[in-house]
Amino acid sequence: MAPSSERRAAWETVGAYHEAQLGLLLERVGVEIERFRAGEVDAFEADQALFQYSRAAKELWKFCNGADVEWVAADIRERAPNQWWERGAPRRR
């Protein structure tokens, strides 16, 4: 593959991964919002899920955009990190 086509393929890999992982994070938020609407959690608990989503989405964004795209694509192919929700959890003191 030519360098530009390799880079394009890497961007496609990273983009597809980012979108899929973001979709999973949004599904988690959707579940919590539905739990709030059903009265299973209060507004503070639902807000906590939104906060965790925000942190998790930022960590995912940093992973997908913070390094060389070929390296990120190779990392995705090799180990496909997927613990973004947990990475967004607030740190306990």
PDB file of N, CA and C in Angstrom:
ATOM      1  N   MET A   1       0.835  -1.178   0.000  1.00  0.00           N
ATOM      2  CA  MET A   1       0.000   0.000   0.000  1.00  0.00           C
ATOM      3  C   MET A   1       0.884   1.248   0.000  1.00  0.00           C
ATOM      4  N   ALA A   2       0.467   2.217  -0.716  1.00  0.00           N
ATOM      5  CA  ALA A   2       1.176   3.497  -0.720  1.00  0.00           C
ATOM      6  C   ALA A   2       0.950   4.203   0.611  1.00  0.00           C
ATOM      7  N   PRO A   3       1.906   5.029   1.038  1.00  0.00           N
ATOM      8  CA  PRO A   3       1.755   5.708   2.343  1.00  0.00           C
ATOM      9  C   PRO A   3       0.434   6.453   2.493  1.00  0.00           C
ATOM     10  N   SER A   4      -0.018   7.145   1.451  1.00  0.00           N
ATOM     11  CA  SER A   4      -1.275   7.890   1.590  1.00  0.00           C
ATOM     12  C   SER A   4      -2.468   6.955   1.709  1.00  0.00           C
ATOM     13  N   SER A   5      -2.436   5.836   1.004  1.00  0.00           N
ATOM     14  CA  SER A   5      -3.554   4.897   1.119  1.00  0.00           C
ATOM     15  C   SER A   5      -3.525   4.179   2.467  1.00  0.00           C
ATOM     16  N   GLU A   6      -2.327   3.946   3.010  1.00  0.00           N
ATOM     17  CA  GLU A   6      -2.218   3.357   4.349  1.00  0.00           C
ATOM     18  C   GLU A   6      -2.791   4.312   5.393  1.00  0.00           C
ATOM     19  N   ARG A   7      -2.467   5.577   5.243  1.00  0.00           N
ATOM     20  CA  ARG A   7      -2.973   6.585   6.178  1.00  0.00           C
ATOM     21  C   ARG A   7      -4.491   6.709   6.066  1.00  0.00           C
ATOM     22  N   ARG A   8      -4.995   6.686   4.859  1.00  0.00           N
ATOM     23  CA  ARG A   8      -6.451   6.758   4.649  1.00  0.00           C
ATOM     24  C   ARG A   8      -7.140   5.544   5.276  1.00  0.00           C
ATOM     25  N   ALA A   9      -6.558   4.370   5.088  1.00  0.00           N
ATOM     26  CA  ALA A   9      -7.128   3.151   5.679  1.00  0.00           C
ATOM     27  C   ALA A   9      -7.096   3.238   7.210  1.00  0.00           C
ATOM     28  N   ALA A  10      -6.013   3.795   7.746  1.00  0.00           N
ATOM     29  CA  ALA A  10      -5.912   3.953   9.197  1.00  0.00           C
ATOM     30  C   ALA A  10      -6.991   4.903   9.705  1.00  0.00           C
ATOM     31  N   TRP A  11      -7.204   6.028   9.002  1.00  0.00           N
ATOM     32  CA  TRP A  11      -8.257   6.970   9.400  1.00  0.00           C
ATOM     33  C   TRP A  11      -9.626   6.303   9.361  1.00  0.00           C
ATOM     34  N   GLU A  12      -9.854   5.460   8.366  1.00  0.00           N
ATOM     35  CA  GLU A  12     -11.147   4.755   8.282  1.00  0.00           C
ATOM     36  C   GLU A  12     -11.314   3.791   9.445  1.00  0.00           C
ATOM     37  N   THR A  13     -10.247   3.088   9.797  1.00  0.00           N
ATOM     38  CA  THR A  13     -10.292   2.167  10.938  1.00  0.00           C
ATOM     39  C   THR A  13     -10.590   2.922  12.223  1.00  0.00           C
ATOM     40  N   VAL A  14      -9.854   4.001  12.446  1.00  0.00           N
ATOM     41  CA  VAL A  14     -10.036   4.785  13.672  1.00  0.00           C
ATOM     42  C   VAL A  14     -11.426   5.422  13.698  1.00  0.00           C
ATOM     43  N   GLY A  15     -11.866   5.950  12.569  1.00  0.00           N
ATOM     44  CA  GLY A  15     -13.189   6.573  12.515  1.00  0.00           C
ATOM     45  C   GLY A  15     -14.309   5.597  12.811  1.00  0.00           C
ATOM     46  N   ALA A  16     -14.231   4.410  12.232  1.00  0.00           N
ATOM     47  CA  ALA A  16     -15.260   3.394  12.471  1.00  0.00           C
ATOM     48  C   ALA A  16     -15.254   2.942  13.932  1.00  0.00           C
ATOM     49  N   TYR A  17     -14.068   2.762  14.476  1.00  0.00           N
ATOM     50  CA  TYR A  17     -13.935   2.362  15.880  1.00  0.00           C
ATOM     51  C   TYR A  17     -14.506   3.445  16.803  1.00  0.00           C
ATOM     52  N   HIS A  18     -14.117   4.696  16.538  1.00  0.00           N
ATOM     53  CA  HIS A  18     -14.576   5.817  17.361  1.00  0.00           C
ATOM     54  C   HIS A  18     -16.104   5.887  17.353  1.00  0.00           C
ATOM     55  N   GLU A  19     -16.678   5.788  16.180  1.00  0.00           N
ATOM     56  CA  GLU A  19     -18.143   5.863  16.074  1.00  0.00           C
ATOM     57  C   GLU A  19     -18.816   4.703  16.806  1.00  0.00           C
ATOM     58  N   ALA A  20     -18.275   3.498  16.660  1.00  0.00           N
ATOM     59  CA  ALA A  20     -18.870   2.333  17.326  1.00  0.00           C
ATOM     60  C   ALA A  20     -18.786   2.470  18.841  1.00  0.00           C
ATOM     61  N   GLN A  21     -17.635   2.888  19.353  1.00  0.00           N
ATOM     62  CA  GLN A  21     -17.464   3.029  20.799  1.00  0.00           C
ATOM     63  C   GLN A  21     -18.314   4.174  21.347  1.00  0.00           C
ATOM     64  N   LEU A  22     -18.405   5.247  20.598  1.00  0.00           N
ATOM     65  CA  LEU A  22     -19.259   6.358  21.009  1.00  0.00           C
ATOM     66  C   LEU A  22     -20.717   5.914  21.070  1.00  0.00           C
ATOM     67  N   GLY A  23     -21.128   5.095  20.114  1.00  0.00           N
ATOM     68  CA  GLY A  23     -22.486   4.554  20.127  1.00  0.00           C
ATOM     69  C   GLY A  23     -22.757   3.731  21.374  1.00  0.00           C
ATOM     70  N   LEU A  24     -21.774   2.924  21.798  1.00  0.00           N
ATOM     71  CA  LEU A  24     -21.940   2.135  23.019  1.00  0.00           C
ATOM     72  C   LEU A  24     -22.064   3.030  24.243  1.00  0.00           C
ATOM     73  N   LEU A  25     -21.279   4.084  24.282  1.00  0.00           N
ATOM     74  CA  LEU A  25     -21.391   5.020  25.405  1.00  0.00           C
ATOM     75  C   LEU A  25     -22.764   5.688  25.425  1.00  0.00           C
ATOM     76  N   LEU A  26     -23.249   6.082  24.268  1.00  0.00           N
ATOM     77  CA  LEU A  26     -24.575   6.711  24.197  1.00  0.00           C
ATOM     78  C   LEU A  26     -25.679   5.745  24.607  1.00  0.00           C
ATOM     79  N   GLU A  27     -25.519   4.474  24.283  1.00  0.00           N
ATOM     80  CA  GLU A  27     -26.505   3.482  24.718  1.00  0.00           C
ATOM     81  C   GLU A  27     -26.555   3.407  26.238  1.00  0.00           C
ATOM     82  N   ARG A  28     -25.378   3.472  26.893  1.00  0.00           N
ATOM     83  CA  ARG A  28     -25.345   3.447  28.354  1.00  0.00           C
ATOM     84  C   ARG A  28     -26.106   4.638  28.927  1.00  0.00           C
ATOM     85  N   VAL A  29     -25.905   5.817  28.344  1.00  0.00           N
ATOM     86  CA  VAL A  29     -26.610   7.005  28.805  1.00  0.00           C
ATOM     87  C   VAL A  29     -28.110   6.836  28.584  1.00  0.00           C
ATOM     88  N   GLY A  30     -28.479   6.307  27.437  1.00  0.00           N
ATOM     89  CA  GLY A  30     -29.894   6.083  27.144  1.00  0.00           C
ATOM     90  C   GLY A  30     -30.563   5.192  28.176  1.00  0.00           C
ATOM     91  N   VAL A  31     -29.875   4.150  28.594  1.00  0.00           N
ATOM     92  CA  VAL A  31     -30.409   3.249  29.621  1.00  0.00           C
ATOM     93  C   VAL A  31     -30.645   4.015  30.921  1.00  0.00           C
ATOM     94  N   GLU A  32     -29.681   4.836  31.301  1.00  0.00           N
ATOM     95  CA  GLU A  32     -29.830   5.598  32.546  1.00  0.00           C
ATOM     96  C   GLU A  32     -30.953   6.629  32.456  1.00  0.00           C
ATOM     97  N   ILE A  33     -31.104   7.253  31.314  1.00  0.00           N
ATOM     98  CA  ILE A  33     -32.204   8.218  31.142  1.00  0.00           C
ATOM     99  C   ILE A  33     -33.551   7.488  31.235  1.00  0.00           C
ATOM    100  N   GLU A  34     -33.637   6.328  30.628  1.00  0.00           N
ATOM    101  CA  GLU A  34     -34.878   5.538  30.722  1.00  0.00           C
ATOM    102  C   GLU A  34     -35.146   5.120  32.165  1.00  0.00           C
ATOM    103  N   ARG A  35     -34.093   4.778  32.896  1.00  0.00           N
ATOM    104  CA  ARG A  35     -34.266   4.437  34.307  1.00  0.00           C
ATOM    105  C   ARG A  35     -34.779   5.651  35.090  1.00  0.00           C
ATOM    106  N   PHE A  36     -34.290   6.834  34.748  1.00  0.00           N
ATOM    107  CA  PHE A  36     -34.766   8.061  35.396  1.00  0.00           C
ATOM    108  C   PHE A  36     -36.252   8.274  35.077  1.00  0.00           C
ATOM    109  N   ARG A  37     -36.599   8.132  33.822  1.00  0.00           N
ATOM    110  CA  ARG A  37     -37.999   8.326  33.419  1.00  0.00           C
ATOM    111  C   ARG A  37     -38.931   7.327  34.084  1.00  0.00           C
ATOM    112  N   ALA A  38     -38.418   6.123  34.357  1.00  0.00           N
ATOM    113  CA  ALA A  38     -39.226   5.095  35.008  1.00  0.00           C
ATOM    114  C   ALA A  38     -39.239   5.250  36.528  1.00  0.00           C
ATOM    115  N   GLY A  39     -38.496   6.221  37.050  1.00  0.00           N
ATOM    116  CA  GLY A  39     -38.460   6.436  38.489  1.00  0.00           C
ATOM    117  C   GLY A  39     -37.524   5.505  39.233  1.00  0.00           C
ATOM    118  N   GLU A  40     -36.662   4.802  38.507  1.00  0.00           N
ATOM    119  CA  GLU A  40     -35.739   3.863  39.141  1.00  0.00           C
ATOM    120  C   GLU A  40     -34.509   4.553  39.732  1.00  0.00           C
ATOM    121  N   VAL A  41     -34.142   5.698  39.183  1.00  0.00           N
ATOM    122  CA  VAL A  41     -33.035   6.501  39.716  1.00  0.00           C
ATOM    123  C   VAL A  41     -33.496   7.944  39.810  1.00  0.00           C
ATOM    124  N   ASP A  42     -32.840   8.698  40.676  1.00  0.00           N
ATOM    125  CA  ASP A  42     -33.219  10.110  40.803  1.00  0.00           C
ATOM    126  C   ASP A  42     -32.410  10.966  39.820  1.00  0.00           C
ATOM    127  N   ALA A  43     -32.703  12.251  39.823  1.00  0.00           N
ATOM    128  CA  ALA A  43     -32.046  13.165  38.887  1.00  0.00           C
ATOM    129  C   ALA A  43     -30.540  13.219  39.103  1.00  0.00           C
ATOM    130  N   PHE A  44     -30.109  13.102  40.359  1.00  0.00           N
ATOM    131  CA  PHE A  44     -28.679  13.149  40.631  1.00  0.00           C
ATOM    132  C   PHE A  44     -27.957  11.930  40.058  1.00  0.00           C
ATOM    133  N   GLU A  45     -28.575  10.775  40.166  1.00  0.00           N
ATOM    134  CA  GLU A  45     -27.973   9.567  39.606  1.00  0.00           C
ATOM    135  C   GLU A  45     -27.935   9.629  38.077  1.00  0.00           C
ATOM    136  N   ALA A  46     -28.984  10.143  37.474  1.00  0.00           N
ATOM    137  CA  ALA A  46     -28.990  10.308  36.015  1.00  0.00           C
ATOM    138  C   ALA A  46     -27.925  11.310  35.594  1.00  0.00           C
ATOM    139  N   ASP A  47     -27.790  12.387  36.349  1.00  0.00           N
ATOM    140  CA  ASP A  47     -26.764  13.385  36.060  1.00  0.00           C
ATOM    141  C   ASP A  47     -25.371  12.776  36.183  1.00  0.00           C
ATOM    142  N   GLN A  48     -25.173  11.913  37.137  1.00  0.00           N
ATOM    143  CA  GLN A  48     -23.881  11.240  37.307  1.00  0.00           C
ATOM    144  C   GLN A  48     -23.541  10.422  36.059  1.00  0.00           C
ATOM    145  N   ALA A  49     -24.542   9.775  35.469  1.00  0.00           N
ATOM    146  CA  ALA A  49     -24.312   9.017  34.234  1.00  0.00           C
ATOM    147  C   ALA A  49     -23.915   9.946  33.093  1.00  0.00           C
ATOM    148  N   LEU A  50     -24.547  11.115  33.023  1.00  0.00           N
ATOM    149  CA  LEU A  50     -24.176  12.085  31.989  1.00  0.00           C
ATOM    150  C   LEU A  50     -22.744  12.580  32.192  1.00  0.00           C
ATOM    151  N   PHE A  51     -22.369  12.809  33.427  1.00  0.00           N
ATOM    152  CA  PHE A  51     -21.010  13.243  33.735  1.00  0.00           C
ATOM    153  C   PHE A  51     -20.009  12.155  33.344  1.00  0.00           C
ATOM    154  N   GLN A  52     -20.336  10.905  33.680  1.00  0.00           N
ATOM    155  CA  GLN A  52     -19.445   9.793  33.334  1.00  0.00           C
ATOM    156  C   GLN A  52     -19.340   9.644  31.825  1.00  0.00           C
ATOM    157  N   TYR A  53     -20.446   9.817  31.117  1.00  0.00           N
ATOM    158  CA  TYR A  53     -20.412   9.775  29.653  1.00  0.00           C
ATOM    159  C   TYR A  53     -19.458  10.838  29.113  1.00  0.00           C
ATOM    160  N   SER A  54     -19.569  12.047  29.633  1.00  0.00           N
ATOM    161  CA  SER A  54     -18.735  13.142  29.159  1.00  0.00           C
ATOM    162  C   SER A  54     -17.262  12.816  29.337  1.00  0.00           C
ATOM    163  N   ARG A  55     -16.901  12.325  30.502  1.00  0.00           N
ATOM    164  CA  ARG A  55     -15.501  11.963  30.759  1.00  0.00           C
ATOM    165  C   ARG A  55     -15.059  10.816  29.860  1.00  0.00           C
ATOM    166  N   ALA A  56     -15.913   9.810  29.695  1.00  0.00           N
ATOM    167  CA  ALA A  56     -15.567   8.658  28.871  1.00  0.00           C
ATOM    168  C   ALA A  56     -15.393   9.061  27.407  1.00  0.00           C
ATOM    169  N   ALA A  57     -16.300   9.906  26.915  1.00  0.00           N
ATOM    170  CA  ALA A  57     -16.207  10.352  25.523  1.00  0.00           C
ATOM    171  C   ALA A  57     -14.932  11.156  25.295  1.00  0.00           C
ATOM    172  N   LYS A  58     -14.518  11.938  26.280  1.00  0.00           N
ATOM    173  CA  LYS A  58     -13.267  12.695  26.163  1.00  0.00           C
ATOM    174  C   LYS A  58     -12.068  11.762  26.121  1.00  0.00           C
ATOM    175  N   GLU A  59     -12.070  10.726  26.949  1.00  0.00           N
ATOM    176  CA  GLU A  59     -10.968   9.761  26.937  1.00  0.00           C
ATOM    177  C   GLU A  59     -10.908   9.036  25.595  1.00  0.00           C
ATOM    178  N   LEU A  60     -12.055   8.669  25.083  1.00  0.00           N
ATOM    179  CA  LEU A  60     -12.115   8.018  23.772  1.00  0.00           C
ATOM    180  C   LEU A  60     -11.585   8.952  22.692  1.00  0.00           C
ATOM    181  N   TRP A  61     -11.999  10.217  22.742  1.00  0.00           N
ATOM    182  CA  TRP A  61     -11.541  11.183  21.755  1.00  0.00           C
ATOM    183  C   TRP A  61     -10.029  11.339  21.812  1.00  0.00           C
ATOM    184  N   LYS A  62      -9.479  11.433  23.034  1.00  0.00           N
ATOM    185  CA  LYS A  62      -8.030  11.581  23.183  1.00  0.00           C
ATOM    186  C   LYS A  62      -7.300  10.374  22.596  1.00  0.00           C
ATOM    187  N   PHE A  63      -7.827   9.184  22.827  1.00  0.00           N
ATOM    188  CA  PHE A  63      -7.203   7.984  22.281  1.00  0.00           C
ATOM    189  C   PHE A  63      -7.226   8.010  20.760  1.00  0.00           C
ATOM    190  N   CYS A  64      -8.359   8.349  20.197  1.00  0.00           N
ATOM    191  CA  CYS A  64      -8.509   8.304  18.733  1.00  0.00           C
ATOM    192  C   CYS A  64      -7.801   9.446  18.017  1.00  0.00           C
ATOM    193  N   ASN A  65      -7.564  10.559  18.680  1.00  0.00           N
ATOM    194  CA  ASN A  65      -7.030  11.742  18.016  1.00  0.00           C
ATOM    195  C   ASN A  65      -5.697  12.237  18.559  1.00  0.00           C
ATOM    196  N   GLY A  66      -5.176  11.603  19.578  1.00  0.00           N
ATOM    197  CA  GLY A  66      -4.012  12.161  20.232  1.00  0.00           C
ATOM    198  C   GLY A  66      -2.667  11.636  19.794  1.00  0.00           C
ATOM    199  N   ALA A  67      -2.637  10.689  18.898  1.00  0.00           N
ATOM    200  CA  ALA A  67      -1.359  10.101  18.492  1.00  0.00           C
ATOM    201  C   ALA A  67      -1.361   9.884  16.986  1.00  0.00           C
ATOM    202  N   ASP A  68      -0.299   9.301  16.522  1.00  0.00           N
ATOM    203  CA  ASP A  68      -0.183   8.969  15.107  1.00  0.00           C
ATOM    204  C   ASP A  68      -1.316   8.016  14.703  1.00  0.00           C
ATOM    205  N   VAL A  69      -2.034   8.353  13.670  1.00  0.00           N
ATOM    206  CA  VAL A  69      -3.223   7.588  13.282  1.00  0.00           C
ATOM    207  C   VAL A  69      -2.882   6.141  12.918  1.00  0.00           C
ATOM    208  N   GLU A  70      -1.733   5.907  12.314  1.00  0.00           N
ATOM    209  CA  GLU A  70      -1.356   4.527  11.993  1.00  0.00           C
ATOM    210  C   GLU A  70      -1.137   3.708  13.263  1.00  0.00           C
ATOM    211  N   TRP A  71      -0.531   4.342  14.278  1.00  0.00           N
ATOM    212  CA  TRP A  71      -0.310   3.655  15.544  1.00  0.00           C
ATOM    213  C   TRP A  71      -1.647   3.331  16.205  1.00  0.00           C
ATOM    214  N   VAL A  72      -2.564   4.295  16.218  1.00  0.00           N
ATOM    215  CA  VAL A  72      -3.870   4.082  16.835  1.00  0.00           C
ATOM    216  C   VAL A  72      -4.620   2.966  16.108  1.00  0.00           C
ATOM    217  N   ALA A  73      -4.597   2.975  14.781  1.00  0.00           N
ATOM    218  CA  ALA A  73      -5.279   1.936  14.012  1.00  0.00           C
ATOM    219  C   ALA A  73      -4.693   0.561  14.319  1.00  0.00           C
ATOM    220  N   ALA A  74      -3.366   0.475  14.423  1.00  0.00           N
ATOM    221  CA  ALA A  74      -2.727  -0.804  14.759  1.00  0.00           C
ATOM    222  C   ALA A  74      -3.139  -1.251  16.154  1.00  0.00           C
ATOM    223  N   ASP A  75      -3.205  -0.315  17.104  1.00  0.00           N
ATOM    224  CA  ASP A  75      -3.624  -0.648  18.464  1.00  0.00           C
ATOM    225  C   ASP A  75      -5.064  -1.152  18.478  1.00  0.00           C
ATOM    226  N   ILE A  76      -5.912  -0.534  17.702  1.00  0.00           N
ATOM    227  CA  ILE A  76      -7.306  -0.974  17.607  1.00  0.00           C
ATOM    228  C   ILE A  76      -7.372  -2.388  17.051  1.00  0.00           C
ATOM    229  N   ARG A  77      -6.622  -2.650  15.992  1.00  0.00           N
ATOM    230  CA  ARG A  77      -6.634  -3.990  15.385  1.00  0.00           C
ATOM    231  C   ARG A  77      -6.072  -5.047  16.332  1.00  0.00           C
ATOM    232  N   GLU A  78      -5.067  -4.688  17.116  1.00  0.00           N
ATOM    233  CA  GLU A  78      -4.407  -5.659  17.996  1.00  0.00           C
ATOM    234  C   GLU A  78      -5.178  -5.935  19.280  1.00  0.00           C
ATOM    235  N   ARG A  79      -5.701  -4.877  19.903  1.00  0.00           N
ATOM    236  CA  ARG A  79      -6.327  -5.108  21.213  1.00  0.00           C
ATOM    237  C   ARG A  79      -7.694  -4.475  21.386  1.00  0.00           C
ATOM    238  N   ALA A  80      -8.110  -3.629  20.483  1.00  0.00           N
ATOM    239  CA  ALA A  80      -9.422  -2.981  20.517  1.00  0.00           C
ATOM    240  C   ALA A  80      -9.860  -2.596  21.927  1.00  0.00           C
ATOM    241  N   PRO A  81      -9.202  -1.592  22.527  1.00  0.00           N
ATOM    242  CA  PRO A  81      -9.608  -1.184  23.873  1.00  0.00           C
ATOM    243  C   PRO A  81     -11.087  -0.807  23.907  1.00  0.00           C
ATOM    244  N   ASN A  82     -11.763  -1.180  24.989  1.00  0.00           N
ATOM    245  CA  ASN A  82     -13.210  -0.950  25.020  1.00  0.00           C
ATOM    246  C   ASN A  82     -13.757  -0.612  26.398  1.00  0.00           C
ATOM    247  N   GLN A  83     -12.933  -0.244  27.313  1.00  0.00           N
ATOM    248  CA  GLN A  83     -13.403   0.056  28.669  1.00  0.00           C
ATOM    249  C   GLN A  83     -13.603   1.549  28.885  1.00  0.00           C
ATOM    250  N   TRP A  84     -14.166   2.212  27.908  1.00  0.00           N
ATOM    251  CA  TRP A  84     -14.286   3.670  27.972  1.00  0.00           C
ATOM    252  C   TRP A  84     -15.231   4.122  29.069  1.00  0.00           C
ATOM    253  N   TRP A  85     -16.329   3.407  29.282  1.00  0.00           N
ATOM    254  CA  TRP A  85     -17.275   3.796  30.334  1.00  0.00           C
ATOM    255  C   TRP A  85     -16.576   3.773  31.696  1.00  0.00           C
ATOM    256  N   GLU A  86     -15.823   2.728  31.943  1.00  0.00           N
ATOM    257  CA  GLU A  86     -15.109   2.614  33.205  1.00  0.00           C
ATOM    258  C   GLU A  86     -14.048   3.707  33.336  1.00  0.00           C
ATOM    259  N   ARG A  87     -13.400   4.055  32.232  1.00  0.00           N
ATOM    260  CA  ARG A  87     -12.386   5.110  32.264  1.00  0.00           C
ATOM    261  C   ARG A  87     -13.005   6.472  32.567  1.00  0.00           C
ATOM    262  N   GLY A  88     -14.278   6.621  32.307  1.00  0.00           N
ATOM    263  CA  GLY A  88     -14.960   7.886  32.586  1.00  0.00           C
ATOM    264  C   GLY A  88     -15.497   7.985  33.997  1.00  0.00           C
ATOM    265  N   ALA A  89     -15.382   6.913  34.771  1.00  0.00           N
ATOM    266  CA  ALA A  89     -15.905   6.932  36.140  1.00  0.00           C
ATOM    267  C   ALA A  89     -15.160   7.971  36.962  1.00  0.00           C
ATOM    268  N   PRO A  90     -15.870   8.678  37.810  1.00  0.00           N
ATOM    269  CA  PRO A  90     -15.199   9.663  38.666  1.00  0.00           C
ATOM    270  C   PRO A  90     -14.205   8.961  39.594  1.00  0.00           C
ATOM    271  N   ARG A  91     -13.124   9.639  39.844  1.00  0.00           N
ATOM    272  CA  ARG A  91     -12.116   9.073  40.751  1.00  0.00           C
ATOM    273  C   ARG A  91     -12.627   9.192  42.179  1.00  0.00           C
ATOM    274  N   ARG A  92     -12.491   8.127  42.896  1.00  0.00           N
ATOM    275  CA  ARG A  92     -12.911   8.127  44.314  1.00  0.00           C
ATOM    276  C   ARG A  92     -11.753   8.606  45.174  1.00  0.00           C
ATOM    277  N   ARG A  93     -12.059   9.432  46.136  1.00  0.00           N
ATOM    278  CA  ARG A  93     -11.026   9.945  47.048  1.00  0.00           C
ATOM    279  C   ARG A  93     -10.907   9.080  48.256  1.00  0.00           C
TER     280      ARG A  93
END
